[in-house]
Every structure is written in structure tokens, then in C-alpha cells.
């Protein structure tokens, strides 16, 4: 079984590889080409959300906060 891998690009998107199922906020499946890497926007400026369209370059997105291994941090609630 292939594992899913998520890489955080410096000042860019999340790079997701592996078998994934992407679901929108209404519970509908979003089409993802099997076996192809998916780039997910994290700057908020993409016109093709949730996918990256390169807008982070144009707007100068700066992700100065790096990912952390702080186990005390809690993810936001899903309400």
C-alpha cells in the first residue's frame, strides 16, 4: 500500500502525493487524477482553490511560521 505524503513548500503550497480522496465542504468528491501530485493552496489567493495556481509568487506569500512538532498544540475544532 502506498503512503500519502504531504510536503510543505517554503512560501508555497502543500504538495500531496499518494492515494487521496479530496472532499469539498458540501461532502462532494473533488476530482483528483490518480497517481498525480496535487498542489493545495495555502496562501488563500488561488483562483482555483483548493488547488494552487501559483498566486503565492505574485502576491509575495511569506509563510514565516514553520511547521512545528509541538505536541501540546491542538488542531482547530471542526465546528
C-alpha atoms as a PDB file:
ATOM      1  CA  UNK A   1       0.000   0.000   0.000  1.00  0.00           C
ATOM      2  CA  UNK A   2       1.332   3.428  -0.970  1.00  0.00           C
ATOM      3  CA  UNK A   3       1.540   6.070   1.738  1.00  0.00           C
ATOM      4  CA  UNK A   4       0.263   9.597   1.429  1.00  0.00           C
ATOM      5  CA  UNK A   5       2.991  12.216   1.707  1.00  0.00           C
ATOM      6  CA  UNK A   6       2.388  15.923   2.374  1.00  0.00           C
ATOM      7  CA  UNK A   7       5.296  18.290   1.860  1.00  0.00           C
ATOM      8  CA  UNK A   8       5.158  21.944   2.918  1.00  0.00           C
ATOM      9  CA  UNK A   9       6.815  24.080   0.242  1.00  0.00           C
ATOM     10  CA  UNK A  10       8.672  27.136   1.545  1.00  0.00           C
ATOM     11  CA  UNK A  11       6.315  30.065   0.948  1.00  0.00           C
ATOM     12  CA  UNK A  12       4.252  27.835  -1.355  1.00  0.00           C
ATOM     13  CA  UNK A  13       1.617  25.119  -1.468  1.00  0.00           C
ATOM     14  CA  UNK A  14       1.169  21.795   0.244  1.00  0.00           C
ATOM     15  CA  UNK A  15       2.458  19.076  -2.117  1.00  0.00           C
ATOM     16  CA  UNK A  16       0.395  15.919  -1.691  1.00  0.00           C
ATOM     17  CA  UNK A  17       1.392  12.605  -3.254  1.00  0.00           C
ATOM     18  CA  UNK A  18      -0.176   9.195  -2.842  1.00  0.00           C
ATOM     19  CA  UNK A  19      -3.733   7.934  -2.955  1.00  0.00           C
ATOM     20  CA  UNK A  20      -6.021  10.675  -1.663  1.00  0.00           C
ATOM     21  CA  UNK A  21      -9.707  11.434  -1.602  1.00  0.00           C
ATOM     22  CA  UNK A  22     -10.471  15.164  -1.649  1.00  0.00           C
ATOM     23  CA  UNK A  23     -13.913  16.197  -0.369  1.00  0.00           C
ATOM     24  CA  UNK A  24     -15.378  19.722  -0.534  1.00  0.00           C
ATOM     25  CA  UNK A  25     -17.307  21.473   2.235  1.00  0.00           C
ATOM     26  CA  UNK A  26     -20.580  20.039   0.902  1.00  0.00           C
ATOM     27  CA  UNK A  27     -19.358  16.449   1.028  1.00  0.00           C
ATOM     28  CA  UNK A  28     -18.798  16.166  -2.723  1.00  0.00           C
ATOM     29  CA  UNK A  29     -15.732  14.464  -4.139  1.00  0.00           C
ATOM     30  CA  UNK A  30     -13.293  16.756  -5.936  1.00  0.00           C
ATOM     31  CA  UNK A  31     -11.724  15.143  -8.984  1.00  0.00           C
ATOM     32  CA  UNK A  32      -8.067  14.242  -8.492  1.00  0.00           C
ATOM     33  CA  UNK A  33      -6.044  12.432 -11.162  1.00  0.00           C
ATOM     34  CA  UNK A  34      -4.835   9.163  -9.639  1.00  0.00           C
ATOM     35  CA  UNK A  35      -1.068   8.927  -9.308  1.00  0.00           C
ATOM     36  CA  UNK A  36      -0.519  12.624  -9.904  1.00  0.00           C
ATOM     37  CA  UNK A  37       0.885  15.027  -7.305  1.00  0.00           C
ATOM     38  CA  UNK A  38      -1.666  17.555  -6.027  1.00  0.00           C
ATOM     39  CA  UNK A  39      -0.670  21.083  -5.025  1.00  0.00           C
ATOM     40  CA  UNK A  40      -3.018  22.602  -2.450  1.00  0.00           C
ATOM     41  CA  UNK A  41      -3.125  26.372  -1.894  1.00  0.00           C
ATOM     42  CA  UNK A  42      -2.149  27.724   1.483  1.00  0.00           C
ATOM     43  CA  UNK A  43      -1.778  31.435   0.628  1.00  0.00           C
ATOM     44  CA  UNK A  44      -5.532  31.881   0.175  1.00  0.00           C
ATOM     45  CA  UNK A  45      -5.143  33.745  -3.112  1.00  0.00           C
ATOM     46  CA  UNK A  46      -5.605  30.977  -5.670  1.00  0.00           C
ATOM     47  CA  UNK A  47      -8.419  31.361  -8.186  1.00  0.00           C
ATOM     48  CA  UNK A  48      -8.593  27.560  -8.407  1.00  0.00           C
ATOM     49  CA  UNK A  49      -8.974  26.745  -4.695  1.00  0.00           C
ATOM     50  CA  UNK A  50      -8.303  24.314  -3.173  1.00  0.00           C
ATOM     51  CA  UNK A  51      -5.586  23.887  -5.802  1.00  0.00           C
ATOM     52  CA  UNK A  52      -2.534  26.106  -6.125  1.00  0.00           C
ATOM     53  CA  UNK A  53      -2.358  28.285  -9.245  1.00  0.00           C
ATOM     54  CA  UNK A  54       0.951  29.986  -8.431  1.00  0.00           C
ATOM     55  CA  UNK A  55      -0.621  33.140  -6.985  1.00  0.00           C
ATOM     56  CA  UNK A  56       1.678  32.881  -3.955  1.00  0.00           C
ATOM     57  CA  UNK A  57       4.547  34.034  -6.208  1.00  0.00           C
ATOM     58  CA  UNK A  58       2.636  37.085  -7.447  1.00  0.00           C
ATOM     59  CA  UNK A  59       1.414  38.228  -4.017  1.00  0.00           C
ATOM     60  CA  UNK A  60       4.690  37.525  -2.230  1.00  0.00           C
ATOM     61  CA  UNK A  61       3.221  34.969   0.181  1.00  0.00           C
ATOM     62  CA  UNK A  62       5.524  34.612   3.175  1.00  0.00           C
ATOM     63  CA  UNK A  63       4.952  31.629   5.427  1.00  0.00           C
ATOM     64  CA  UNK A  64       7.323  32.779   8.148  1.00  0.00           C
ATOM     65  CA  UNK A  65       5.832  30.370  10.660  1.00  0.00           C
ATOM     66  CA  UNK A  66       7.357  26.947  10.116  1.00  0.00           C
ATOM     67  CA  UNK A  67       5.642  23.667  10.879  1.00  0.00           C
ATOM     68  CA  UNK A  68       6.181  22.582  14.458  1.00  0.00           C
ATOM     69  CA  UNK A  69       6.344  19.283  16.312  1.00  0.00           C
ATOM     70  CA  UNK A  70       4.741  20.840  19.411  1.00  0.00           C
ATOM     71  CA  UNK A  71       2.511  18.024  20.656  1.00  0.00           C
ATOM     72  CA  UNK A  72       0.742  20.380  23.073  1.00  0.00           C
ATOM     73  CA  UNK A  73      -0.767  22.371  20.195  1.00  0.00           C
ATOM     74  CA  UNK A  74      -4.324  21.380  19.421  1.00  0.00           C
ATOM     75  CA  UNK A  75      -5.781  21.487  15.906  1.00  0.00           C
ATOM     76  CA  UNK A  76      -8.747  23.825  15.407  1.00  0.00           C
ATOM     77  CA  UNK A  77     -12.116  22.299  16.204  1.00  0.00           C
ATOM     78  CA  UNK A  78     -14.206  21.137  13.267  1.00  0.00           C
ATOM     79  CA  UNK A  79     -17.355  23.044  14.162  1.00  0.00           C
END
